[in-house]
Structure formats: structure tokens, C-alpha cells
C-alpha atoms as a PDB file:
ATOM      1  CA  MET A   1       0.000   0.000   0.000  1.00  0.00           C
ATOM      2  CA  PRO A   2       1.526   3.369  -1.027  1.00  0.00           C
ATOM      3  CA  ASP A   3       0.103   5.487   1.820  1.00  0.00           C
ATOM      4  CA  GLN A   4       3.514   6.554   3.204  1.00  0.00           C
ATOM      5  CA  GLU A   5       4.724   7.620  -0.250  1.00  0.00           C
ATOM      6  CA  PHE A   6       1.529   9.583  -0.841  1.00  0.00           C
ATOM      7  CA  VAL A   7       1.930  11.422   2.487  1.00  0.00           C
ATOM      8  CA  ARG A   8       5.614  12.161   1.805  1.00  0.00           C
ATOM      9  CA  ILE A   9       4.856  13.693  -1.597  1.00  0.00           C
ATOM     10  CA  GLY A  10       1.667  15.318  -0.290  1.00  0.00           C
ATOM     11  CA  LYS A  11       3.660  17.121   2.409  1.00  0.00           C
ATOM     12  CA  ARG A  12       6.063  18.471  -0.198  1.00  0.00           C
ATOM     13  CA  LEU A  13       3.215  19.616  -2.446  1.00  0.00           C
ATOM     14  CA  PHE A  14       1.487  21.310   0.479  1.00  0.00           C
ATOM     15  CA  SER A  15       4.640  22.960   1.870  1.00  0.00           C
ATOM     16  CA  GLU A  16       5.411  24.486  -1.542  1.00  0.00           C
ATOM     17  CA  GLY A  17       1.861  25.758  -1.979  1.00  0.00           C
ATOM     18  CA  LEU A  18       1.251  23.472  -4.958  1.00  0.00           C
ATOM     19  CA  VAL A  19      -1.970  22.235  -3.359  1.00  0.00           C
ATOM     20  CA  GLY A  20      -4.207  23.812  -0.775  1.00  0.00           C
ATOM     21  CA  GLY A  21      -6.672  22.259   1.606  1.00  0.00           C
ATOM     22  CA  ASN A  22      -7.891  18.992   0.144  1.00  0.00           C
ATOM     23  CA  PHE A  23      -7.095  19.854  -3.500  1.00  0.00           C
ATOM     24  CA  GLY A  24      -5.193  17.530  -5.834  1.00  0.00           C
ATOM     25  CA  ASN A  25      -4.568  13.809  -5.905  1.00  0.00           C
ATOM     26  CA  ILE A  26      -1.799  11.257  -6.311  1.00  0.00           C
ATOM     27  CA  SER A  27      -1.769   7.777  -7.833  1.00  0.00           C
ATOM     28  CA  LEU A  28       0.571   4.810  -8.311  1.00  0.00           C
ATOM     29  CA  ARG A  29       0.220   1.990 -10.839  1.00  0.00           C
ATOM     30  CA  THR A  30       0.019  -1.637  -9.678  1.00  0.00           C
ATOM     31  CA  ALA A  31      -0.499  -4.859 -11.606  1.00  0.00           C
ATOM     32  CA  GLU A  32      -4.225  -4.795 -10.757  1.00  0.00           C
ATOM     33  CA  GLY A  33      -4.872  -1.098 -11.496  1.00  0.00           C
ATOM     34  CA  PHE A  34      -3.732   1.928  -9.516  1.00  0.00           C
ATOM     35  CA  TYR A  35      -3.965   3.297  -6.009  1.00  0.00           C
ATOM     36  CA  ILE A  36      -5.347   6.833  -5.815  1.00  0.00           C
ATOM     37  CA  THR A  37      -5.958   9.205  -2.939  1.00  0.00           C
ATOM     38  CA  ARG A  38      -9.474   9.413  -1.567  1.00  0.00           C
ATOM     39  CA  THR A  39     -11.905  12.119  -2.601  1.00  0.00           C
ATOM     40  CA  GLY A  40     -11.648  15.086  -0.279  1.00  0.00           C
ATOM     41  CA  ALA A  41      -8.444  13.759   1.309  1.00  0.00           C
ATOM     42  CA  TYR A  42      -5.718  16.042   2.584  1.00  0.00           C
ATOM     43  CA  LEU A  43      -2.551  14.956   0.795  1.00  0.00           C
ATOM     44  CA  ASP A  44      -0.264  15.659   3.751  1.00  0.00           C
ATOM     45  CA  VAL A  45      -1.969  13.316   6.240  1.00  0.00           C
ATOM     46  CA  PRO A  46      -2.364   9.510   6.170  1.00  0.00           C
ATOM     47  CA  GLY A  47      -5.511   8.078   4.607  1.00  0.00           C
ATOM     48  CA  ALA A  48      -5.883   4.681   2.965  1.00  0.00           C
ATOM     49  CA  PRO A  49      -5.794   5.087  -0.836  1.00  0.00           C
ATOM     50  CA  VAL A  50      -8.360   3.361  -3.045  1.00  0.00           C
ATOM     51  CA  LEU A  51      -7.460   0.645  -5.589  1.00  0.00           C
ATOM     52  CA  VAL A  52      -9.069   1.485  -8.946  1.00  0.00           C
ATOM     53  CA  PRO A  53      -9.148  -0.923 -11.921  1.00  0.00           C
ATOM     54  CA  PHE A  54      -7.716   0.198 -15.274  1.00  0.00           C
ATOM     55  CA  ASP A  55     -11.197  -0.044 -16.807  1.00  0.00           C
ATOM     56  CA  GLY A  56     -14.666   0.537 -15.442  1.00  0.00           C
ATOM     57  CA  PRO A  57     -16.050   2.484 -12.521  1.00  0.00           C
ATOM     58  CA  ALA A  58     -14.023   3.317  -9.433  1.00  0.00           C
ATOM     59  CA  PRO A  59     -14.898   2.030  -5.988  1.00  0.00           C
ATOM     60  CA  ALA A  60     -16.580   4.438  -3.576  1.00  0.00           C
ATOM     61  CA  GLY A  61     -14.211   6.934  -2.037  1.00  0.00           C
ATOM     62  CA  ALA A  62     -11.823   7.295  -4.995  1.00  0.00           C
ATOM     63  CA  SER A  63     -10.819  10.785  -6.050  1.00  0.00           C
ATOM     64  CA  SER A  64     -13.218  12.440  -8.487  1.00  0.00           C
ATOM     65  CA  GLU A  65     -10.306  12.697 -10.940  1.00  0.00           C
ATOM     66  CA  TYR A  66      -9.924   8.911 -11.149  1.00  0.00           C
ATOM     67  CA  ARG A  67     -11.094   9.047 -14.809  1.00  0.00           C
ATOM     68  CA  VAL A  68      -8.082  11.169 -15.756  1.00  0.00           C
ATOM     69  CA  HIS A  69      -5.666   8.828 -14.002  1.00  0.00           C
ATOM     70  CA  GLN A  70      -7.395   5.817 -15.569  1.00  0.00           C
ATOM     71  CA  ALA A  71      -7.115   7.281 -19.095  1.00  0.00           C
ATOM     72  CA  ILE A  72      -3.439   8.103 -18.567  1.00  0.00           C
ATOM     73  CA  TYR A  73      -2.547   4.625 -17.287  1.00  0.00           C
ATOM     74  CA  ARG A  74      -4.416   2.965 -20.166  1.00  0.00           C
ATOM     75  CA  ARG A  75      -2.395   4.950 -22.733  1.00  0.00           C
ATOM     76  CA  ILE A  76       0.992   5.464 -21.082  1.00  0.00           C
ATOM     77  CA  GLU A  77       3.288   3.135 -19.153  1.00  0.00           C
ATOM     78  CA  HIS A  78       4.149   5.647 -16.412  1.00  0.00           C
ATOM     79  CA  ARG A  79       3.972   4.410 -12.838  1.00  0.00           C
ATOM     80  CA  ALA A  80       3.002   7.618 -11.008  1.00  0.00           C
ATOM     81  CA  ILE A  81       0.751  10.650 -11.456  1.00  0.00           C
ATOM     82  CA  VAL A  82       0.558  13.859  -9.440  1.00  0.00           C
ATOM     83  CA  HIS A  83      -2.348  16.265  -9.938  1.00  0.00           C
ATOM     84  CA  ALA A  84      -1.950  19.625  -8.197  1.00  0.00           C
ATOM     85  CA  HIS A  85      -3.390  23.137  -8.272  1.00  0.00           C
ATOM     86  CA  PRO A  86      -0.359  25.454  -8.367  1.00  0.00           C
ATOM     87  CA  ALA A  87      -1.680  29.030  -8.512  1.00  0.00           C
ATOM     88  CA  HIS A  88       0.735  30.520 -11.060  1.00  0.00           C
ATOM     89  CA  ALA A  89       0.385  27.534 -13.399  1.00  0.00           C
ATOM     90  CA  VAL A  90      -3.408  27.745 -13.188  1.00  0.00           C
ATOM     91  CA  ALA A  91      -3.264  31.500 -13.846  1.00  0.00           C
ATOM     92  CA  ALA A  92      -1.004  30.973 -16.864  1.00  0.00           C
ATOM     93  CA  SER A  93      -3.382  28.357 -18.248  1.00  0.00           C
ATOM     94  CA  VAL A  94      -6.213  30.877 -18.274  1.00  0.00           C
ATOM     95  CA  VAL A  95      -4.398  33.233 -20.666  1.00  0.00           C
ATOM     96  CA  LEU A  96      -1.976  30.981 -22.581  1.00  0.00           C
ATOM     97  CA  SER A  97      -2.688  27.942 -24.766  1.00  0.00           C
ATOM     98  CA  THR A  98       0.860  26.610 -24.363  1.00  0.00           C
ATOM     99  CA  ILE A  99       3.346  27.446 -21.643  1.00  0.00           C
ATOM    100  CA  VAL A 100       6.874  27.968 -22.945  1.00  0.00           C
ATOM    101  CA  PRO A 101       9.227  28.289 -19.976  1.00  0.00           C
ATOM    102  CA  VAL A 102      11.927  30.954 -20.177  1.00  0.00           C
ATOM    103  CA  ASP A 103      13.869  29.778 -17.109  1.00  0.00           C
ATOM    104  CA  SER A 104      16.807  27.409 -17.588  1.00  0.00           C
ATOM    105  CA  GLU A 105      15.269  24.504 -15.623  1.00  0.00           C
ATOM    106  CA  GLY A 106      11.993  24.757 -17.500  1.00  0.00           C
ATOM    107  CA  GLU A 107      13.724  24.972 -20.873  1.00  0.00           C
ATOM    108  CA  MET A 108      15.812  21.916 -20.035  1.00  0.00           C
ATOM    109  CA  LEU A 109      13.256  19.636 -18.339  1.00  0.00           C
ATOM    110  CA  CYS A 110       9.988  20.590 -20.022  1.00  0.00           C
ATOM    111  CA  PRO A 111      10.442  23.149 -22.814  1.00  0.00           C
ATOM    112  CA  GLU A 112       6.745  23.204 -23.641  1.00  0.00           C
ATOM    113  CA  ILE A 113       3.760  22.607 -21.368  1.00  0.00           C
ATOM    114  CA  PRO A 114       0.462  22.102 -23.206  1.00  0.00           C
ATOM    115  CA  VAL A 115      -2.788  23.515 -21.848  1.00  0.00           C
ATOM    116  CA  VAL A 116      -5.933  21.443 -22.422  1.00  0.00           C
ATOM    117  CA  GLY A 117      -9.630  21.914 -21.754  1.00  0.00           C
ATOM    118  CA  GLY A 118     -12.340  19.896 -20.081  1.00  0.00           C
ATOM    119  CA  ALA A 119     -14.309  20.179 -16.884  1.00  0.00           C
ATOM    120  CA  PRO A 120     -12.807  18.530 -13.779  1.00  0.00           C
ATOM    121  CA  GLY A 121     -13.649  14.842 -13.387  1.00  0.00           C
ATOM    122  CA  THR A 122     -15.026  14.418 -16.933  1.00  0.00           C
ATOM    123  CA  GLU A 123     -14.196  11.999 -19.719  1.00  0.00           C
ATOM    124  CA  GLU A 124     -13.385  15.001 -21.924  1.00  0.00           C
ATOM    125  CA  LEU A 125     -10.680  16.145 -19.513  1.00  0.00           C
ATOM    126  CA  ALA A 126      -9.432  12.573 -19.114  1.00  0.00           C
ATOM    127  CA  GLU A 127      -8.964  12.123 -22.876  1.00  0.00           C
ATOM    128  CA  ASN A 128      -7.409  15.568 -23.383  1.00  0.00           C
ATOM    129  CA  VAL A 129      -4.908  15.120 -20.550  1.00  0.00           C
ATOM    130  CA  ALA A 130      -3.978  11.557 -21.557  1.00  0.00           C
ATOM    131  CA  GLU A 131      -3.457  12.585 -25.189  1.00  0.00           C
ATOM    132  CA  ALA A 132      -1.206  15.491 -24.173  1.00  0.00           C
ATOM    133  CA  LEU A 133       0.794  13.292 -21.787  1.00  0.00           C
ATOM    134  CA  GLU A 134       1.576  10.890 -24.631  1.00  0.00           C
ATOM    135  CA  LYS A 135       3.857  13.639 -25.991  1.00  0.00           C
ATOM    136  CA  ARG A 136       4.985  15.505 -22.851  1.00  0.00           C
ATOM    137  CA  PRO A 137       5.361  14.506 -19.178  1.00  0.00           C
ATOM    138  CA  LEU A 138       3.390  17.509 -17.929  1.00  0.00           C
ATOM    139  CA  VAL A 139       0.117  19.213 -18.869  1.00  0.00           C
ATOM    140  CA  ILE A 140      -2.074  21.924 -17.381  1.00  0.00           C
ATOM    141  CA  ALA A 141      -5.864  21.630 -17.428  1.00  0.00           C
ATOM    142  CA  ARG A 142      -7.120  25.139 -18.210  1.00  0.00           C
ATOM    143  CA  GLY A 143      -8.127  26.945 -15.036  1.00  0.00           C
ATOM    144  CA  HIS A 144      -7.816  23.748 -13.015  1.00  0.00           C
ATOM    145  CA  GLY A 145      -4.321  22.391 -12.400  1.00  0.00           C
ATOM    146  CA  THR A 146      -1.338  20.332 -13.464  1.00  0.00           C
ATOM    147  CA  PHE A 147      -1.069  16.630 -14.243  1.00  0.00           C
ATOM    148  CA  ALA A 148       2.430  15.147 -14.243  1.00  0.00           C
ATOM    149  CA  ALA A 149       3.105  11.513 -15.212  1.00  0.00           C
ATOM    150  CA  ALA A 150       6.444   9.856 -14.535  1.00  0.00           C
ATOM    151  CA  ALA A 151       8.283   6.677 -13.613  1.00  0.00           C
ATOM    152  CA  ASP A 152       7.960   7.510  -9.905  1.00  0.00           C
ATOM    153  CA  LEU A 153       6.296   9.973  -7.548  1.00  0.00           C
ATOM    154  CA  ASP A 154       9.475  11.973  -6.998  1.00  0.00           C
ATOM    155  CA  ARG A 155       9.801  12.746 -10.712  1.00  0.00           C
ATOM    156  CA  ALA A 156       6.081  13.567 -11.018  1.00  0.00           C
ATOM    157  CA  TYR A 157       6.426  15.888  -8.018  1.00  0.00           C
ATOM    158  CA  LEU A 158       9.514  17.531  -9.569  1.00  0.00           C
ATOM    159  CA  LEU A 159       7.616  18.206 -12.802  1.00  0.00           C
ATOM    160  CA  THR A 160       4.733  19.715 -10.821  1.00  0.00           C
ATOM    161  CA  SER A 161       7.110  21.988  -8.924  1.00  0.00           C
ATOM    162  CA  LEU A 162       8.814  22.909 -12.202  1.00  0.00           C
ATOM    163  CA  ALA A 163       5.502  23.975 -13.757  1.00  0.00           C
ATOM    164  CA  GLU A 164       4.819  26.353 -10.895  1.00  0.00           C
ATOM    165  CA  HIS A 165       8.358  27.748 -10.892  1.00  0.00           C
ATOM    166  CA  SER A 166       8.351  28.325 -14.650  1.00  0.00           C
ATOM    167  CA  CYS A 167       4.926  29.975 -14.576  1.00  0.00           C
ATOM    168  CA  ARG A 168       5.964  32.145 -11.645  1.00  0.00           C
ATOM    169  CA  VAL A 169       9.009  33.321 -13.641  1.00  0.00           C
ATOM    170  CA  LEU A 170       6.749  34.071 -16.616  1.00  0.00           C
ATOM    171  CA  ALA A 171       4.372  36.047 -14.380  1.00  0.00           C
ATOM    172  CA  TYR A 172       7.189  38.053 -12.801  1.00  0.00           C
ATOM    173  CA  SER A 173       8.570  38.713 -16.296  1.00  0.00           C
ATOM    174  CA  GLY A 174       5.243  40.093 -17.558  1.00  0.00           C
ATOM    175  CA  PHE A 175       4.418  37.291 -20.039  1.00  0.00           C
ATOM    176  CA  PHE A 176       0.855  36.712 -18.818  1.00  0.00           C
ATOM    177  CA  GLY A 177      -0.560  39.824 -20.479  1.00  0.00           C
ATOM    178  CA  GLY A 178      -2.788  37.761 -22.780  1.00  0.00           C
ATOM    179  CA  CYS A 179       0.010  37.033 -25.216  1.00  0.00           C
ATOM    180  CA  ASN A 180       0.401  33.657 -26.830  1.00  0.00           C
ATOM    181  CA  ARG A 181       3.984  32.570 -27.301  1.00  0.00           C
END
């Protein structure tokens, strides 16, 4: 059971302001499906995750974003997903259709971050996020938050932190003014 790993990453997400309250979710692939945080769970405190199958409905208690995680795992072989709500990344996604980092870390690790549409928890969002993650390890759902898929939770967390840092640099540099780069 990945509860300790979820809490460890959840504490980092919370301490950096990448999630607030009970926002966001984390999942890890298993042979039978994937474990995901519970709906309404605080990511920085223990709480038994829910095992969700790769296909079909999720058991009661699973995060409302289970459809997105399910679509990603069906299409991509990554082992971990972090979904967060970093404020600068969300703000950038409202005015930009693609985020092009100008900081050295962003340019090196994720030179382009796609922005996709779809209401939270919907099949539309699930398909749009999964399709984008087939090409890039990180995507921002417009006005909602980031989804990072990686080989492990540490890498998915790093990508999430990178998105916020790069968007913060863009904001401080004046790039949000409705321009599309």
C-alpha cells in the first residue's frame, strides 16, 4: 500500500503551496490497477488510498479525478501521477494555450507545457490530458491544475514543482498579459 509515499509527496506539495486544503490527488500503478488518494483527502496526512481498476467504474471513495488517471494509465506506461493546483500555473493556463518556460530549468526539463480543456472529473478532460501526456510529461488543465506523469512519484512531483516555478518566472517577467507565445 503506497500510503507513506503519498503522504511524503503530499507534504512536499502542500509545503510548496502546490496544493491547498484537500485539492489535488496522487496515484501509483500496480499490476491490478492503480492506487489513488481518496476524494476530499488532505494529501499531507495519512488516509488509505483506493485501488481502482484500469477499466470501469471506481470504488466508492476514490478521487473524483480517477477518470483522468485511468485514461493516462491505459495509454501510457508511467507508474506515477501527481495532480496539483499550483496558482501561477493555473493562472497561466487561463491566458496561454501553451506554456513555454523561459527559465533554464523549464527549458531543459519541459520546454513546452500544453494547456488542455475539459471540466474537472469528466471523460473530456481525461482524454485531453492523456493525449497530451503521450507527448509531454506535464500538462495543465485550463483553469484547473497540473497533471504530471512519470516513472515515480518523486519525478512527477519535480515536474509539478517545475511547472509552478516556470509559470511564476513568466508572471514576474510580464508574459501573462494575454500574449500567446
